[in-house]
């Protein structure tokens, strides 16, 4: 269950909690993408740029940056 939700410009909704980030279609609710951690992390949404969303995770004084490439409706992944 996501603790935070954001609408992103590709007609999708992104939800995230401590262990996962999900991207779903607004109209259908179809799962378009997921990113999962093995252990709980503090995930923070940074930005959406072109066809990517960027997140950071911090734990124990260290920080990592992650990104997911978004699927645009009607386009195939190459």
N, C-alpha and C. Protein backbone atom coordinates (compact mmCIF):
# COMPACT_ATOMS: atom_id res chain seq x y z
N UNK A 1 0.84 -1.17 0.00
CA UNK A 1 0.00 0.00 0.00
C UNK A 1 0.89 1.25 0.00
N UNK A 2 0.78 2.10 -1.00
CA UNK A 2 1.63 3.30 -1.05
C UNK A 2 1.26 4.30 0.05
N UNK A 3 2.28 4.98 0.54
CA UNK A 3 2.05 6.04 1.52
C UNK A 3 2.03 7.41 0.86
N UNK A 4 2.53 7.51 -0.37
CA UNK A 4 2.54 8.76 -1.12
C UNK A 4 2.16 8.48 -2.56
N UNK A 5 1.50 9.44 -3.19
CA UNK A 5 1.05 9.28 -4.57
C UNK A 5 1.30 10.58 -5.34
N UNK A 6 1.66 10.46 -6.63
CA UNK A 6 1.86 11.64 -7.47
C UNK A 6 1.36 11.34 -8.88
N UNK A 7 0.74 12.32 -9.51
CA UNK A 7 0.36 12.22 -10.92
C UNK A 7 1.57 12.65 -11.73
N UNK A 8 1.94 11.85 -12.73
CA UNK A 8 3.06 12.22 -13.58
C UNK A 8 2.57 12.49 -14.98
N UNK A 9 3.32 13.24 -15.74
CA UNK A 9 2.88 13.80 -17.01
C UNK A 9 2.56 12.82 -18.11
N UNK A 10 2.81 11.55 -17.94
CA UNK A 10 2.55 10.57 -18.99
C UNK A 10 1.17 9.94 -18.87
N UNK A 11 0.29 10.53 -18.06
CA UNK A 11 -1.04 9.96 -17.84
C UNK A 11 -0.99 8.77 -16.90
N UNK A 12 -0.02 8.79 -16.01
CA UNK A 12 0.16 7.70 -15.06
C UNK A 12 0.18 8.25 -13.64
N UNK A 13 -0.05 7.35 -12.69
CA UNK A 13 0.05 7.68 -11.27
C UNK A 13 1.18 6.86 -10.68
N UNK A 14 1.97 7.51 -9.84
CA UNK A 14 3.07 6.84 -9.19
C UNK A 14 2.78 6.81 -7.70
N UNK A 15 2.94 5.64 -7.09
CA UNK A 15 2.76 5.50 -5.65
C UNK A 15 4.00 4.88 -5.05
N UNK A 16 4.37 5.30 -3.84
CA UNK A 16 5.55 4.72 -3.21
C UNK A 16 5.39 4.66 -1.70
N UNK A 17 6.12 3.73 -1.12
CA UNK A 17 6.17 3.55 0.33
C UNK A 17 7.61 3.30 0.73
N UNK A 18 7.82 2.47 1.74
CA UNK A 18 9.19 2.21 2.23
C UNK A 18 9.94 1.16 1.42
N UNK A 19 9.23 0.32 0.68
CA UNK A 19 9.92 -0.77 -0.01
C UNK A 19 9.68 -0.83 -1.51
N UNK A 20 8.78 0.00 -2.05
CA UNK A 20 8.48 -0.14 -3.47
C UNK A 20 7.97 1.16 -4.08
N UNK A 21 8.14 1.26 -5.39
CA UNK A 21 7.57 2.34 -6.19
C UNK A 21 6.75 1.66 -7.29
N UNK A 22 5.51 2.08 -7.47
CA UNK A 22 4.65 1.53 -8.51
C UNK A 22 4.22 2.64 -9.45
N UNK A 23 4.16 2.31 -10.74
CA UNK A 23 3.63 3.21 -11.76
C UNK A 23 2.40 2.53 -12.34
N UNK A 24 1.26 3.23 -12.33
CA UNK A 24 0.01 2.66 -12.84
C UNK A 24 -0.66 3.62 -13.81
N UNK A 25 -1.39 3.07 -14.77
CA UNK A 25 -2.17 3.88 -15.69
C UNK A 25 -3.33 4.54 -14.96
N UNK A 26 -3.60 5.82 -15.24
CA UNK A 26 -4.67 6.55 -14.57
C UNK A 26 -6.03 5.95 -14.88
N UNK A 27 -6.31 5.71 -16.14
CA UNK A 27 -7.65 5.27 -16.55
C UNK A 27 -7.91 3.80 -16.24
N UNK A 28 -6.91 2.94 -16.39
CA UNK A 28 -7.13 1.50 -16.24
C UNK A 28 -6.66 0.94 -14.91
N UNK A 29 -5.72 1.61 -14.26
CA UNK A 29 -5.13 1.07 -13.04
C UNK A 29 -4.12 -0.03 -13.31
N UNK A 30 -3.81 -0.26 -14.60
CA UNK A 30 -2.86 -1.30 -15.00
C UNK A 30 -1.47 -0.98 -14.46
N UNK A 31 -0.78 -1.98 -13.90
CA UNK A 31 0.57 -1.81 -13.39
C UNK A 31 1.54 -1.71 -14.56
N UNK A 32 2.17 -0.54 -14.72
CA UNK A 32 3.10 -0.29 -15.83
C UNK A 32 4.55 -0.50 -15.43
N UNK A 33 4.86 -0.41 -14.15
CA UNK A 33 6.23 -0.59 -13.70
C UNK A 33 6.31 -0.65 -12.19
N UNK A 34 7.34 -1.35 -11.70
CA UNK A 34 7.53 -1.45 -10.25
C UNK A 34 9.03 -1.53 -9.95
N UNK A 35 9.43 -0.91 -8.86
CA UNK A 35 10.80 -0.96 -8.36
C UNK A 35 10.70 -1.36 -6.90
N UNK A 36 11.42 -2.43 -6.50
CA UNK A 36 11.31 -2.91 -5.12
C UNK A 36 12.67 -3.00 -4.45
N UNK A 37 12.70 -2.66 -3.16
CA UNK A 37 13.87 -2.82 -2.30
C UNK A 37 13.72 -4.10 -1.49
N UNK A 38 14.83 -4.73 -1.13
CA UNK A 38 14.77 -5.88 -0.24
C UNK A 38 14.46 -5.44 1.19
N UNK A 39 15.04 -4.32 1.59
CA UNK A 39 14.84 -3.81 2.95
C UNK A 39 14.15 -2.45 2.87
N UNK A 40 13.49 -2.09 3.94
CA UNK A 40 12.80 -0.79 3.99
C UNK A 40 13.80 0.35 3.85
N UNK A 41 13.47 1.31 3.04
CA UNK A 41 14.28 2.49 2.80
C UNK A 41 13.39 3.72 2.91
N UNK A 42 13.97 4.85 3.17
CA UNK A 42 13.21 6.09 3.11
C UNK A 42 13.34 6.61 1.68
N UNK A 43 12.28 6.43 0.89
CA UNK A 43 12.29 6.85 -0.51
C UNK A 43 11.73 8.25 -0.63
N UNK A 44 12.39 9.08 -1.42
CA UNK A 44 11.95 10.46 -1.63
C UNK A 44 11.90 10.74 -3.13
N UNK A 45 10.74 11.20 -3.60
CA UNK A 45 10.58 11.57 -5.00
C UNK A 45 11.38 12.84 -5.26
N UNK A 46 12.21 12.84 -6.29
CA UNK A 46 13.01 14.01 -6.63
C UNK A 46 12.38 14.80 -7.77
N UNK A 47 12.19 14.14 -8.93
CA UNK A 47 11.61 14.86 -10.07
C UNK A 47 11.23 13.88 -11.18
N UNK A 48 10.50 14.42 -12.15
CA UNK A 48 10.19 13.71 -13.39
C UNK A 48 10.86 14.51 -14.50
N UNK A 49 11.60 13.84 -15.36
CA UNK A 49 12.30 14.54 -16.44
C UNK A 49 12.22 13.68 -17.69
N UNK A 50 11.66 14.25 -18.77
CA UNK A 50 11.47 13.52 -20.02
C UNK A 50 10.70 12.23 -19.75
N UNK A 51 11.31 11.08 -19.95
CA UNK A 51 10.60 9.81 -19.74
C UNK A 51 11.12 9.06 -18.51
N UNK A 52 11.66 9.78 -17.52
CA UNK A 52 12.20 9.14 -16.32
C UNK A 52 11.69 9.83 -15.06
N UNK A 53 11.57 9.05 -13.98
CA UNK A 53 11.30 9.60 -12.66
C UNK A 53 12.50 9.26 -11.78
N UNK A 54 12.89 10.20 -10.92
CA UNK A 54 14.07 10.06 -10.09
C UNK A 54 13.68 10.03 -8.61
N UNK A 55 14.32 9.11 -7.87
CA UNK A 55 14.10 8.95 -6.44
C UNK A 55 15.44 8.88 -5.74
N UNK A 56 15.43 9.20 -4.46
CA UNK A 56 16.60 8.96 -3.63
C UNK A 56 16.18 8.08 -2.46
N UNK A 57 17.12 7.32 -1.94
CA UNK A 57 16.89 6.55 -0.72
C UNK A 57 18.03 6.84 0.24
N UNK A 58 17.68 6.96 1.50
CA UNK A 58 18.71 7.21 2.50
C UNK A 58 18.54 6.23 3.65
N UNK A 59 19.67 5.74 4.13
CA UNK A 59 19.67 4.82 5.26
C UNK A 59 21.07 4.80 5.84
N UNK A 60 21.15 4.99 7.14
CA UNK A 60 22.45 4.91 7.81
C UNK A 60 23.46 5.93 7.35
N UNK A 61 23.03 7.12 6.98
CA UNK A 61 23.95 8.17 6.58
C UNK A 61 24.39 8.13 5.13
N UNK A 62 23.96 7.13 4.36
CA UNK A 62 24.32 7.08 2.94
C UNK A 62 23.07 7.32 2.10
N UNK A 63 23.30 7.76 0.86
CA UNK A 63 22.19 8.10 -0.03
C UNK A 63 22.47 7.52 -1.41
N UNK A 64 21.42 7.02 -2.06
CA UNK A 64 21.53 6.53 -3.43
C UNK A 64 20.44 7.18 -4.27
N UNK A 65 20.73 7.39 -5.54
CA UNK A 65 19.76 7.94 -6.49
C UNK A 65 19.35 6.82 -7.45
N UNK A 66 18.04 6.70 -7.68
CA UNK A 66 17.49 5.70 -8.60
C UNK A 66 16.64 6.41 -9.64
N UNK A 67 16.49 5.78 -10.80
CA UNK A 67 15.53 6.30 -11.77
C UNK A 67 14.81 5.14 -12.44
N UNK A 68 13.59 5.42 -12.88
CA UNK A 68 12.79 4.46 -13.64
C UNK A 68 12.44 5.11 -14.96
N UNK A 69 12.54 4.35 -16.05
CA UNK A 69 12.09 4.83 -17.35
C UNK A 69 10.61 4.53 -17.47
N UNK A 70 9.85 5.53 -17.87
CA UNK A 70 8.40 5.39 -17.98
C UNK A 70 8.01 4.84 -19.34
N UNK A 71 7.00 4.00 -19.34
CA UNK A 71 6.42 3.52 -20.60
C UNK A 71 5.40 4.54 -21.05
N UNK A 72 5.54 5.01 -22.26
CA UNK A 72 4.54 5.92 -22.80
C UNK A 72 3.46 5.09 -23.47
N UNK A 73 2.19 5.38 -23.20
CA UNK A 73 1.11 4.59 -23.79
C UNK A 73 1.21 4.54 -25.31
N UNK A 74 1.08 3.34 -25.87
CA UNK A 74 1.11 3.18 -27.31
C UNK A 74 2.49 2.98 -27.91
N UNK A 75 3.54 3.08 -27.12
CA UNK A 75 4.89 2.90 -27.63
C UNK A 75 5.49 1.62 -27.08
N UNK A 76 6.24 0.92 -27.89
CA UNK A 76 6.90 -0.31 -27.45
C UNK A 76 8.22 0.02 -26.78
N UNK A 77 8.62 -0.78 -25.79
CA UNK A 77 9.95 -0.64 -25.19
C UNK A 77 10.98 -1.26 -26.11
N UNK A 78 12.10 -0.61 -26.30
CA UNK A 78 13.17 -1.14 -27.13
C UNK A 78 14.35 -1.47 -26.27
